[in-house]
PDB file of N, CA and C in Angstrom:
ATOM      1  N   UNK A   1     105.787  33.115  28.768  1.00  0.00           N
ATOM      2  CA  UNK A   1     104.734  34.187  28.487  1.00  0.00           C
ATOM      3  C   UNK A   1     103.390  33.690  28.990  1.00  0.00           C
ATOM      4  N   UNK A   2     103.158  32.357  28.822  1.00  0.00           N
ATOM      5  CA  UNK A   2     101.904  31.782  29.407  1.00  0.00           C
ATOM      6  C   UNK A   2     101.771  32.089  30.941  1.00  0.00           C
ATOM      7  N   UNK A   3     102.812  31.728  31.602  1.00  0.00           N
ATOM      8  CA  UNK A   3     102.967  31.947  33.130  1.00  0.00           C
ATOM      9  C   UNK A   3     102.439  33.528  33.549  1.00  0.00           C
ATOM     10  N   UNK A   4     103.186  34.637  32.698  1.00  0.00           N
ATOM     11  CA  UNK A   4     102.966  35.953  33.035  1.00  0.00           C
ATOM     12  C   UNK A   4     101.368  36.277  32.839  1.00  0.00           C
ATOM     13  N   UNK A   5     100.665  35.653  31.679  1.00  0.00           N
ATOM     14  CA  UNK A   5      99.351  35.837  31.634  1.00  0.00           C
ATOM     15  C   UNK A   5      98.523  35.330  32.818  1.00  0.00           C
ATOM     16  N   UNK A   6      98.706  34.211  33.137  1.00  0.00           N
ATOM     17  CA  UNK A   6      98.144  33.541  34.175  1.00  0.00           C
ATOM     18  C   UNK A   6      98.122  34.435  35.630  1.00  0.00           C
ATOM     19  N   UNK A   7      99.252  34.963  35.797  1.00  0.00           N
ATOM     20  CA  UNK A   7      99.674  35.755  36.864  1.00  0.00           C
ATOM     21  C   UNK A   7      98.870  37.106  37.004  1.00  0.00           C
ATOM     22  N   UNK A   8      98.833  37.660  35.682  1.00  0.00           N
ATOM     23  CA  UNK A   8      97.871  39.117  35.600  1.00  0.00           C
ATOM     24  C   UNK A   8      96.501  38.674  35.813  1.00  0.00           C
ATOM     25  N   UNK A   9      96.062  37.555  35.165  1.00  0.00           N
ATOM     26  CA  UNK A   9      94.611  37.286  35.252  1.00  0.00           C
ATOM     27  C   UNK A   9      94.220  36.960  36.756  1.00  0.00           C
ATOM     28  N   UNK A  10      95.145  36.221  37.374  1.00  0.00           N
ATOM     29  CA  UNK A  10      94.915  35.948  38.895  1.00  0.00           C
ATOM     30  C   UNK A  10      94.986  37.041  39.787  1.00  0.00           C
ATOM     31  N   UNK A  11      95.740  38.145  39.467  1.00  0.00           N
ATOM     32  CA  UNK A  11      95.795  39.278  40.150  1.00  0.00           C
ATOM     33  C   UNK A  11      94.589  40.163  40.005  1.00  0.00           C
ATOM     34  N   UNK A  12      94.094  40.234  38.742  1.00  0.00           N
ATOM     35  CA  UNK A  12      92.965  40.806  38.479  1.00  0.00           C
ATOM     36  C   UNK A  12      91.744  40.211  39.222  1.00  0.00           C
ATOM     37  N   UNK A  13      91.629  38.956  39.153  1.00  0.00           N
ATOM     38  CA  UNK A  13      90.531  38.237  39.819  1.00  0.00           C
ATOM     39  C   UNK A  13      90.713  38.463  41.292  1.00  0.00           C
ATOM     40  N   UNK A  14      91.819  38.482  41.870  1.00  0.00           N
ATOM     41  CA  UNK A  14      92.076  38.728  43.249  1.00  0.00           C
ATOM     42  C   UNK A  14      91.545  40.076  43.739  1.00  0.00           C
ATOM     43  N   UNK A  15      91.872  41.123  42.947  1.00  0.00           N
ATOM     44  CA  UNK A  15      91.362  42.661  43.146  1.00  0.00           C
ATOM     45  C   UNK A  15      89.911  42.623  43.085  1.00  0.00           C
ATOM     46  N   UNK A  16      89.315  41.992  41.991  1.00  0.00           N
ATOM     47  CA  UNK A  16      87.843  42.003  41.862  1.00  0.00           C
ATOM     48  C   UNK A  16      87.225  41.351  43.148  1.00  0.00           C
ATOM     49  N   UNK A  17      87.706  40.144  43.422  1.00  0.00           N
ATOM     50  CA  UNK A  17      87.170  39.589  44.699  1.00  0.00           C
ATOM     51  C   UNK A  17      87.319  40.311  45.885  1.00  0.00           C
ATOM     52  N   UNK A  18      88.502  41.020  46.228  1.00  0.00           N
ATOM     53  CA  UNK A  18      88.539  41.720  47.225  1.00  0.00           C
ATOM     54  C   UNK A  18      87.606  42.921  47.279  1.00  0.00           C
ATOM     55  N   UNK A  19      87.476  43.722  46.272  1.00  0.00           N
ATOM     56  CA  UNK A  19      86.732  44.865  46.124  1.00  0.00           C
ATOM     57  C   UNK A  19      85.149  44.366  46.367  1.00  0.00           C
ATOM     58  N   UNK A  20      84.794  43.390  45.610  1.00  0.00           N
ATOM     59  CA  UNK A  20      83.589  42.843  45.767  1.00  0.00           C
ATOM     60  C   UNK A  20      83.082  42.331  47.100  1.00  0.00           C
ATOM     61  N   UNK A  21      84.108  41.782  47.795  1.00  0.00           N
ATOM     62  CA  UNK A  21      83.920  41.275  49.122  1.00  0.00           C
ATOM     63  C   UNK A  21      83.682  42.391  50.140  1.00  0.00           C
ATOM     64  N   UNK A  22      84.472  43.620  49.854  1.00  0.00           N
ATOM     65  CA  UNK A  22      84.245  44.557  50.645  1.00  0.00           C
ATOM     66  C   UNK A  22      82.635  45.232  50.594  1.00  0.00           C
ATOM     67  N   UNK A  23      82.277  45.291  49.346  1.00  0.00           N
ATOM     68  CA  UNK A  23      80.932  45.804  49.196  1.00  0.00           C
ATOM     69  C   UNK A  23      79.906  44.864  49.755  1.00  0.00           C
ATOM     70  N   UNK A  24      80.170  43.612  49.780  1.00  0.00           N
ATOM     71  CA  UNK A  24      79.276  42.659  50.379  1.00  0.00           C
ATOM     72  C   UNK A  24      79.275  42.876  52.030  1.00  0.00           C
ATOM     73  N   UNK A  25      80.433  42.962  52.475  1.00  0.00           N
ATOM     74  CA  UNK A  25      80.412  43.172  53.950  1.00  0.00           C
ATOM     75  C   UNK A  25      79.814  44.460  54.562  1.00  0.00           C
ATOM     76  N   UNK A  26      79.870  45.606  53.731  1.00  0.00           N
ATOM     77  CA  UNK A  26      79.387  46.806  54.028  1.00  0.00           C
ATOM     78  C   UNK A  26      77.879  46.774  53.763  1.00  0.00           C
ATOM     79  N   UNK A  27      77.322  46.105  52.866  1.00  0.00           N
ATOM     80  CA  UNK A  27      75.888  45.907  52.618  1.00  0.00           C
ATOM     81  C   UNK A  27      75.423  45.140  53.681  1.00  0.00           C
ATOM     82  N   UNK A  28      76.134  43.928  54.167  1.00  0.00           N
ATOM     83  CA  UNK A  28      75.533  43.126  55.150  1.00  0.00           C
ATOM     84  C   UNK A  28      75.613  43.719  56.586  1.00  0.00           C
ATOM     85  N   UNK A  29      76.411  44.745  56.936  1.00  0.00           N
ATOM     86  CA  UNK A  29      76.671  45.305  58.140  1.00  0.00           C
ATOM     87  C   UNK A  29      75.505  45.882  58.808  1.00  0.00           C
ATOM     88  N   UNK A  30      74.514  46.202  58.126  1.00  0.00           N
ATOM     89  CA  UNK A  30      73.352  46.851  58.880  1.00  0.00           C
ATOM     90  C   UNK A  30      73.229  48.396  58.696  1.00  0.00           C
ATOM     91  N   UNK A  31      72.490  48.879  59.545  1.00  0.00           N
ATOM     92  CA  UNK A  31      72.149  50.306  59.573  1.00  0.00           C
ATOM     93  C   UNK A  31      73.291  51.204  59.657  1.00  0.00           C
ATOM     94  N   UNK A  32      73.121  52.644  59.646  1.00  0.00           N
ATOM     95  CA  UNK A  32      74.072  53.547  59.722  1.00  0.00           C
ATOM     96  C   UNK A  32      75.030  53.685  58.401  1.00  0.00           C
ATOM     97  N   UNK A  33      76.063  54.350  58.488  1.00  0.00           N
ATOM     98  CA  UNK A  33      76.894  54.452  57.244  1.00  0.00           C
ATOM     99  C   UNK A  33      78.008  53.388  57.279  1.00  0.00           C
ATOM    100  N   UNK A  34      77.952  52.516  58.327  1.00  0.00           N
ATOM    101  CA  UNK A  34      79.017  51.313  58.458  1.00  0.00           C
ATOM    102  C   UNK A  34      80.323  51.844  58.383  1.00  0.00           C
ATOM    103  N   UNK A  35      80.730  53.047  58.692  1.00  0.00           N
ATOM    104  CA  UNK A  35      82.154  53.383  58.603  1.00  0.00           C
ATOM    105  C   UNK A  35      82.770  53.068  60.121  1.00  0.00           C
ATOM    106  N   UNK A  36      82.007  52.963  61.071  1.00  0.00           N
ATOM    107  CA  UNK A  36      82.519  52.660  62.466  1.00  0.00           C
ATOM    108  C   UNK A  36      82.762  51.230  62.491  1.00  0.00           C
ATOM    109  N   UNK A  37      84.053  50.848  63.094  1.00  0.00           N
ATOM    110  CA  UNK A  37      84.510  49.500  63.201  1.00  0.00           C
ATOM    111  C   UNK A  37      83.673  48.818  64.283  1.00  0.00           C
ATOM    112  N   UNK A  38      83.504  47.376  64.351  1.00  0.00           N
ATOM    113  CA  UNK A  38      82.934  46.880  65.600  1.00  0.00           C
ATOM    114  C   UNK A  38      83.770  46.789  66.779  1.00  0.00           C
ATOM    115  N   UNK A  39      83.234  46.630  67.884  1.00  0.00           N
ATOM    116  CA  UNK A  39      84.040  46.538  69.235  1.00  0.00           C
ATOM    117  C   UNK A  39      84.650  45.169  69.058  1.00  0.00           C
ATOM    118  N   UNK A  40      85.934  45.081  69.658  1.00  0.00           N
ATOM    119  CA  UNK A  40      86.598  43.826  69.682  1.00  0.00           C
ATOM    120  C   UNK A  40      87.348  43.586  70.990  1.00  0.00           C
ATOM    121  N   UNK A  41      87.767  42.335  71.224  1.00  0.00           N
ATOM    122  CA  UNK A  41      88.666  42.026  72.424  1.00  0.00           C
ATOM    123  C   UNK A  41      87.875  42.262  73.683  1.00  0.00           C
ATOM    124  N   UNK A  42      88.640  42.478  74.700  1.00  0.00           N
ATOM    125  CA  UNK A  42      88.200  42.846  75.865  1.00  0.00           C
ATOM    126  C   UNK A  42      87.192  43.876  76.062  1.00  0.00           C
ATOM    127  N   UNK A  43      87.283  44.950  75.226  1.00  0.00           N
ATOM    128  CA  UNK A  43      86.326  46.047  75.223  1.00  0.00           C
ATOM    129  C   UNK A  43      85.091  45.364  74.776  1.00  0.00           C
ATOM    130  N   UNK A  44      84.755  44.393  73.982  1.00  0.00           N
ATOM    131  CA  UNK A  44      83.755  43.954  73.478  1.00  0.00           C
ATOM    132  C   UNK A  44      82.973  43.245  74.808  1.00  0.00           C
ATOM    133  N   UNK A  45      83.673  42.468  75.536  1.00  0.00           N
ATOM    134  CA  UNK A  45      83.330  41.820  76.642  1.00  0.00           C
ATOM    135  C   UNK A  45      82.767  42.746  77.663  1.00  0.00           C
ATOM    136  N   UNK A  46      83.335  43.882  77.887  1.00  0.00           N
ATOM    137  CA  UNK A  46      82.845  44.948  78.865  1.00  0.00           C
ATOM    138  C   UNK A  46      81.698  45.774  78.283  1.00  0.00           C
ATOM    139  N   UNK A  47      81.803  45.921  76.932  1.00  0.00           N
ATOM    140  CA  UNK A  47      80.685  46.779  76.395  1.00  0.00           C
ATOM    141  C   UNK A  47      79.354  45.881  76.447  1.00  0.00           C
ATOM    142  N   UNK A  48      79.515  44.458  76.183  1.00  0.00           N
ATOM    143  CA  UNK A  48      78.367  43.597  76.132  1.00  0.00           C
ATOM    144  C   UNK A  48      77.769  43.459  77.565  1.00  0.00           C
ATOM    145  N   UNK A  49      78.524  43.241  78.523  1.00  0.00           N
ATOM    146  CA  UNK A  49      78.121  43.282  79.901  1.00  0.00           C
ATOM    147  C   UNK A  49      77.318  44.477  80.361  1.00  0.00           C
ATOM    148  N   UNK A  50      77.771  45.720  80.023  1.00  0.00           N
ATOM    149  CA  UNK A  50      77.177  46.755  80.332  1.00  0.00           C
ATOM    150  C   UNK A  50      75.861  47.086  79.666  1.00  0.00           C
ATOM    151  N   UNK A  51      75.891  46.674  78.244  1.00  0.00           N
ATOM    152  CA  UNK A  51      74.559  46.820  77.615  1.00  0.00           C
ATOM    153  C   UNK A  51      73.547  45.928  78.086  1.00  0.00           C
ATOM    154  N   UNK A  52      73.937  44.541  78.318  1.00  0.00           N
ATOM    155  CA  UNK A  52      72.884  43.876  78.840  1.00  0.00           C
ATOM    156  C   UNK A  52      72.426  44.152  80.180  1.00  0.00           C
ATOM    157  N   UNK A  53      73.292  44.577  80.878  1.00  0.00           N
ATOM    158  CA  UNK A  53      72.858  44.883  82.239  1.00  0.00           C
ATOM    159  C   UNK A  53      71.827  46.079  82.222  1.00  0.00           C
ATOM    160  N   UNK A  54      72.176  47.225  81.137  1.00  0.00           N
ATOM    161  CA  UNK A  54      71.315  48.110  81.084  1.00  0.00           C
ATOM    162  C   UNK A  54      69.895  47.722  80.535  1.00  0.00           C
ATOM    163  N   UNK A  55      69.716  46.860  79.639  1.00  0.00           N
ATOM    164  CA  UNK A  55      68.539  46.445  79.103  1.00  0.00           C
ATOM    165  C   UNK A  55      67.896  45.105  79.853  1.00  0.00           C
ATOM    166  N   UNK A  56      68.560  44.539  80.814  1.00  0.00           N
ATOM    167  CA  UNK A  56      67.984  43.493  81.566  1.00  0.00           C
ATOM    168  C   UNK A  56      68.056  42.251  80.924  1.00  0.00           C
ATOM    169  N   UNK A  57      68.892  42.009  79.840  1.00  0.00           N
ATOM    170  CA  UNK A  57      68.949  40.867  78.924  1.00  0.00           C
ATOM    171  C   UNK A  57      68.821  41.025  77.582  1.00  0.00           C
ATOM    172  N   UNK A  58      68.716  40.002  76.795  1.00  0.00           N
ATOM    173  CA  UNK A  58      68.647  40.206  75.484  1.00  0.00           C
ATOM    174  C   UNK A  58      69.839  39.474  74.635  1.00  0.00           C
ATOM    175  N   UNK A  59      70.008  40.051  73.361  1.00  0.00           N
ATOM    176  CA  UNK A  59      71.152  39.257  72.626  1.00  0.00           C
ATOM    177  C   UNK A  59      71.811  40.654  71.993  1.00  0.00           C
ATOM    178  N   UNK A  60      73.125  40.699  72.034  1.00  0.00           N
ATOM    179  CA  UNK A  60      73.883  41.671  71.360  1.00  0.00           C
ATOM    180  C   UNK A  60      73.923  41.156  69.776  1.00  0.00           C
ATOM    181  N   UNK A  61      73.416  42.299  69.071  1.00  0.00           N
ATOM    182  CA  UNK A  61      73.354  41.983  67.573  1.00  0.00           C
ATOM    183  C   UNK A  61      74.228  42.735  66.744  1.00  0.00           C
ATOM    184  N   UNK A  62      74.812  43.842  67.232  1.00  0.00           N
ATOM    185  CA  UNK A  62      75.890  44.790  66.487  1.00  0.00           C
ATOM    186  C   UNK A  62      76.554  45.668  67.484  1.00  0.00           C
ATOM    187  N   UNK A  63      77.751  46.073  67.142  1.00  0.00           N
ATOM    188  CA  UNK A  63      78.492  46.858  68.011  1.00  0.00           C
ATOM    189  C   UNK A  63      79.257  47.841  67.166  1.00  0.00           C
ATOM    190  N   UNK A  64      79.707  49.194  67.697  1.00  0.00           N
ATOM    191  CA  UNK A  64      80.351  49.953  66.910  1.00  0.00           C
ATOM    192  C   UNK A  64      81.220  50.887  67.896  1.00  0.00           C
ATOM    193  N   UNK A  65      82.493  51.219  67.241  1.00  0.00           N
ATOM    194  CA  UNK A  65      83.334  51.940  68.147  1.00  0.00           C
ATOM    195  C   UNK A  65      83.450  53.195  67.293  1.00  0.00           C
ATOM    196  N   UNK A  66      83.355  54.322  68.217  1.00  0.00           N
ATOM    197  CA  UNK A  66      83.271  55.736  67.609  1.00  0.00           C
ATOM    198  C   UNK A  66      82.029  56.068  66.943  1.00  0.00           C
ATOM    199  N   UNK A  67      80.770  55.718  67.400  1.00  0.00           N
ATOM    200  CA  UNK A  67      79.502  56.010  66.984  1.00  0.00           C
ATOM    201  C   UNK A  67      79.470  57.529  67.237  1.00  0.00           C
ATOM    202  N   UNK A  68      78.715  58.302  66.319  1.00  0.00           N
ATOM    203  CA  UNK A  68      78.581  59.554  66.354  1.00  0.00           C
ATOM    204  C   UNK A  68      77.822  60.163  67.598  1.00  0.00           C
ATOM    205  N   UNK A  69      77.135  59.356  68.409  1.00  0.00           N
ATOM    206  CA  UNK A  69      76.573  59.728  69.585  1.00  0.00           C
ATOM    207  C   UNK A  69      77.330  59.315  70.959  1.00  0.00           C
ATOM    208  N   UNK A  70      78.163  58.449  70.844  1.00  0.00           N
ATOM    209  CA  UNK A  70      79.129  58.009  71.907  1.00  0.00           C
ATOM    210  C   UNK A  70      80.339  57.304  71.398  1.00  0.00           C
ATOM    211  N   UNK A  71      81.032  56.923  72.555  1.00  0.00           N
ATOM    212  CA  UNK A  71      82.279  56.112  72.202  1.00  0.00           C
ATOM    213  C   UNK A  71      82.039  54.770  71.674  1.00  0.00           C
ATOM    214  N   UNK A  72      81.065  54.091  72.425  1.00  0.00           N
ATOM    215  CA  UNK A  72      80.749  52.706  71.869  1.00  0.00           C
ATOM    216  C   UNK A  72      79.132  52.672  71.763  1.00  0.00           C
ATOM    217  N   UNK A  73      78.748  51.897  70.688  1.00  0.00           N
ATOM    218  CA  UNK A  73      77.271  51.767  70.753  1.00  0.00           C
ATOM    219  C   UNK A  73      77.061  50.200  70.598  1.00  0.00           C
ATOM    220  N   UNK A  74      76.133  49.583  71.435  1.00  0.00           N
ATOM    221  CA  UNK A  74      75.831  48.204  71.456  1.00  0.00           C
ATOM    222  C   UNK A  74      74.372  48.054  71.059  1.00  0.00           C
ATOM    223  N   UNK A  75      74.087  47.237  70.128  1.00  0.00           N
ATOM    224  CA  UNK A  75      72.666  47.155  69.838  1.00  0.00           C
ATOM    225  C   UNK A  75      72.159  45.661  70.345  1.00  0.00           C
ATOM    226  N   UNK A  76      71.029  45.626  71.100  1.00  0.00           N
ATOM    227  CA  UNK A  76      70.745  44.596  71.751  1.00  0.00           C
ATOM    228  C   UNK A  76      69.303  44.261  71.353  1.00  0.00           C
ATOM    229  N   UNK A  77      68.997  43.147  70.933  1.00  0.00           N
ATOM    230  CA  UNK A  77      67.679  42.647  70.528  1.00  0.00           C
ATOM    231  C   UNK A  77      66.955  41.975  71.643  1.00  0.00           C
ATOM    232  N   UNK A  78      65.892  42.256  72.165  1.00  0.00           N
ATOM    233  CA  UNK A  78      65.209  41.845  73.358  1.00  0.00           C
ATOM    234  C   UNK A  78      64.377  40.626  72.860  1.00  0.00           C
ATOM    235  N   UNK A  79      63.993  39.809  73.718  1.00  0.00           N
ATOM    236  CA  UNK A  79      62.972  38.626  73.482  1.00  0.00           C
ATOM    237  C   UNK A  79      61.813  38.996  72.695  1.00  0.00           C
ATOM    238  N   UNK A  80      61.164  40.236  72.816  1.00  0.00           N
ATOM    239  CA  UNK A  80      60.045  40.748  72.099  1.00  0.00           C
ATOM    240  C   UNK A  80      60.380  41.264  70.919  1.00  0.00           C
ATOM    241  N   UNK A  81      61.561  41.178  70.341  1.00  0.00           N
ATOM    242  CA  UNK A  81      62.013  41.614  68.954  1.00  0.00           C
ATOM    243  C   UNK A  81      62.345  43.251  69.059  1.00  0.00           C
ATOM    244  N   UNK A  82      62.327  43.952  70.257  1.00  0.00           N
ATOM    245  CA  UNK A  82      62.725  45.352  70.419  1.00  0.00           C
ATOM    246  C   UNK A  82      64.246  45.291  70.198  1.00  0.00           C
ATOM    247  N   UNK A  83      64.585  46.287  69.445  1.00  0.00           N
ATOM    248  CA  UNK A  83      65.983  46.805  69.366  1.00  0.00           C
ATOM    249  C   UNK A  83      66.369  47.819  70.311  1.00  0.00           C
ATOM    250  N   UNK A  84      67.441  47.767  71.101  1.00  0.00           N
ATOM    251  CA  UNK A  84      67.817  48.847  71.917  1.00  0.00           C
ATOM    252  C   UNK A  84      69.124  49.309  71.606  1.00  0.00           C
ATOM    253  N   UNK A  85      69.468  50.416  71.202  1.00  0.00           N
ATOM    254  CA  UNK A  85      70.813  50.920  71.060  1.00  0.00           C
ATOM    255  C   UNK A  85      71.391  51.558  72.376  1.00  0.00           C
ATOM    256  N   UNK A  86      72.304  50.906  73.028  1.00  0.00           N
ATOM    257  CA  UNK A  86      72.958  51.506  74.238  1.00  0.00           C
ATOM    258  C   UNK A  86      74.133  52.062  73.796  1.00  0.00           C
ATOM    259  N   UNK A  87      74.273  53.448  74.308  1.00  0.00           N
ATOM    260  CA  UNK A  87      75.430  54.183  74.118  1.00  0.00           C
ATOM    261  C   UNK A  87      76.348  54.203  75.585  1.00  0.00           C
ATOM    262  N   UNK A  88      77.536  53.984  75.194  1.00  0.00           N
ATOM    263  CA  UNK A  88      78.590  53.984  76.357  1.00  0.00           C
ATOM    264  C   UNK A  88      79.647  54.848  76.091  1.00  0.00           C
ATOM    265  N   UNK A  89      80.184  55.353  77.189  1.00  0.00           N
ATOM    266  CA  UNK A  89      81.515  56.216  77.098  1.00  0.00           C
ATOM    267  C   UNK A  89      82.767  55.258  77.043  1.00  0.00           C
ATOM    268  N   UNK A  90      83.868  55.909  77.204  1.00  0.00           N
ATOM    269  CA  UNK A  90      85.080  55.115  77.134  1.00  0.00           C
ATOM    270  C   UNK A  90      85.199  54.251  78.229  1.00  0.00           C
ATOM    271  N   UNK A  91      84.661  54.462  79.493  1.00  0.00           N
ATOM    272  CA  UNK A  91      84.695  53.696  80.661  1.00  0.00           C
ATOM    273  C   UNK A  91      83.479  52.824  80.876  1.00  0.00           C
ATOM    274  N   UNK A  92      82.780  52.531  79.633  1.00  0.00           N
ATOM    275  CA  UNK A  92      81.644  51.486  79.656  1.00  0.00           C
ATOM    276  C   UNK A  92      80.454  52.083  80.508  1.00  0.00           C
ATOM    277  N   UNK A  93      80.449  53.377  80.854  1.00  0.00           N
ATOM    278  CA  UNK A  93      79.252  53.997  81.567  1.00  0.00           C
ATOM    279  C   UNK A  93      78.081  54.166  80.524  1.00  0.00           C
ATOM    280  N   UNK A  94      76.770  53.854  80.825  1.00  0.00           N
ATOM    281  CA  UNK A  94      75.663  54.138  79.837  1.00  0.00           C
ATOM    282  C   UNK A  94      75.450  55.660  79.822  1.00  0.00           C
ATOM    283  N   UNK A  95      75.506  56.204  78.551  1.00  0.00           N
ATOM    284  CA  UNK A  95      75.396  57.619  78.396  1.00  0.00           C
ATOM    285  C   UNK A  95      74.151  57.781  77.626  1.00  0.00           C
ATOM    286  N   UNK A  96      73.422  56.845  77.210  1.00  0.00           N
ATOM    287  CA  UNK A  96      72.126  57.037  76.407  1.00  0.00           C
ATOM    288  C   UNK A  96      71.592  55.621  75.929  1.00  0.00           C
ATOM    289  N   UNK A  97      70.356  55.812  75.601  1.00  0.00           N
ATOM    290  CA  UNK A  97      69.816  54.530  75.224  1.00  0.00           C
ATOM    291  C   UNK A  97      68.546  54.978  74.352  1.00  0.00           C
ATOM    292  N   UNK A  98      68.403  54.255  73.138  1.00  0.00           N
ATOM    293  CA  UNK A  98      67.511  54.569  72.197  1.00  0.00           C
ATOM    294  C   UNK A  98      66.724  53.128  71.792  1.00  0.00           C
ATOM    295  N   UNK A  99      65.330  53.107  72.062  1.00  0.00           N
ATOM    296  CA  UNK A  99      64.820  51.973  71.608  1.00  0.00           C
ATOM    297  C   UNK A  99      64.074  52.018  70.064  1.00  0.00           C
ATOM    298  N   UNK A 100      64.051  51.032  69.262  1.00  0.00           N
ATOM    299  CA  UNK A 100      63.387  51.183  68.086  1.00  0.00           C
ATOM    300  C   UNK A 100      63.054  49.506  67.768  1.00  0.00           C
ATOM    301  N   UNK A 101      62.072  49.481  66.807  1.00  0.00           N
ATOM    302  CA  UNK A 101      61.764  48.047  66.478  1.00  0.00           C
ATOM    303  C   UNK A 101      60.386  47.733  67.024  1.00  0.00           C
ATOM    304  N   UNK A 102      60.296  46.526  67.251  1.00  0.00           N
ATOM    305  CA  UNK A 102      58.880  45.850  67.649  1.00  0.00           C
ATOM    306  C   UNK A 102      58.432  46.429  68.947  1.00  0.00           C
ATOM    307  N   UNK A 103      59.129  46.627  69.981  1.00  0.00           N
ATOM    308  CA  UNK A 103      58.652  47.051  71.211  1.00  0.00           C
ATOM    309  C   UNK A 103      58.810  48.409  71.444  1.00  0.00           C
ATOM    310  N   UNK A 104      58.729  49.329  70.355  1.00  0.00           N
ATOM    311  CA  UNK A 104      58.746  50.858  70.396  1.00  0.00           C
ATOM    312  C   UNK A 104      57.934  51.356  71.417  1.00  0.00           C
ATOM    313  N   UNK A 105      56.638  50.921  71.534  1.00  0.00           N
ATOM    314  CA  UNK A 105      55.790  51.455  72.413  1.00  0.00           C
ATOM    315  C   UNK A 105      55.591  50.807  73.894  1.00  0.00           C
ATOM    316  N   UNK A 106      56.968  50.780  74.371  1.00  0.00           N
ATOM    317  CA  UNK A 106      57.108  50.125  75.679  1.00  0.00           C
ATOM    318  C   UNK A 106      56.046  50.462  76.713  1.00  0.00           C
ATOM    319  N   UNK A 107      55.785  51.674  76.783  1.00  0.00           N
ATOM    320  CA  UNK A 107      54.805  52.330  78.010  1.00  0.00           C
ATOM    321  C   UNK A 107      53.468  52.171  77.662  1.00  0.00           C
ATOM    322  N   UNK A 108      52.902  51.632  76.514  1.00  0.00           N
ATOM    323  CA  UNK A 108      51.581  51.752  76.226  1.00  0.00           C
ATOM    324  C   UNK A 108      50.831  50.500  76.695  1.00  0.00           C
ATOM    325  N   UNK A 109      51.247  49.399  77.236  1.00  0.00           N
ATOM    326  CA  UNK A 109      50.609  48.326  77.760  1.00  0.00           C
ATOM    327  C   UNK A 109      50.064  47.328  76.665  1.00  0.00           C
ATOM    328  N   UNK A 110      49.587  46.229  76.977  1.00  0.00           N
ATOM    329  CA  UNK A 110      49.087  45.323  76.182  1.00  0.00           C
ATOM    330  C   UNK A 110      47.644  45.709  75.551  1.00  0.00           C
ATOM    331  N   UNK A 111      47.506  45.559  74.285  1.00  0.00           N
ATOM    332  CA  UNK A 111      46.208  45.817  73.586  1.00  0.00           C
ATOM    333  C   UNK A 111      45.451  44.420  73.376  1.00  0.00           C
TER     334      UNK A 111
END
């Protein structure tokens, strides 16, 4: 009887941890509704290269497959803190770009 009680308690704990872990992962995922999976494998390498070429450098900080605006989305953080979302089609061609964050006023010059 004691063995069965331990198994039930362990199963309940596992379910609680799995459910809680999912909530933490979603909360830590960043903007958007977080329903899109990240880009993986060879596609990640190609998407990263295309996005960094488009932005002229920076660091890839987030990726999504199946973004509402394009097939792939790659978020790049530039050295000045600007975040640029690069939208790519299925062939890794740039189909859009949106800048937000620190360098939002790119064309305004230095004050």
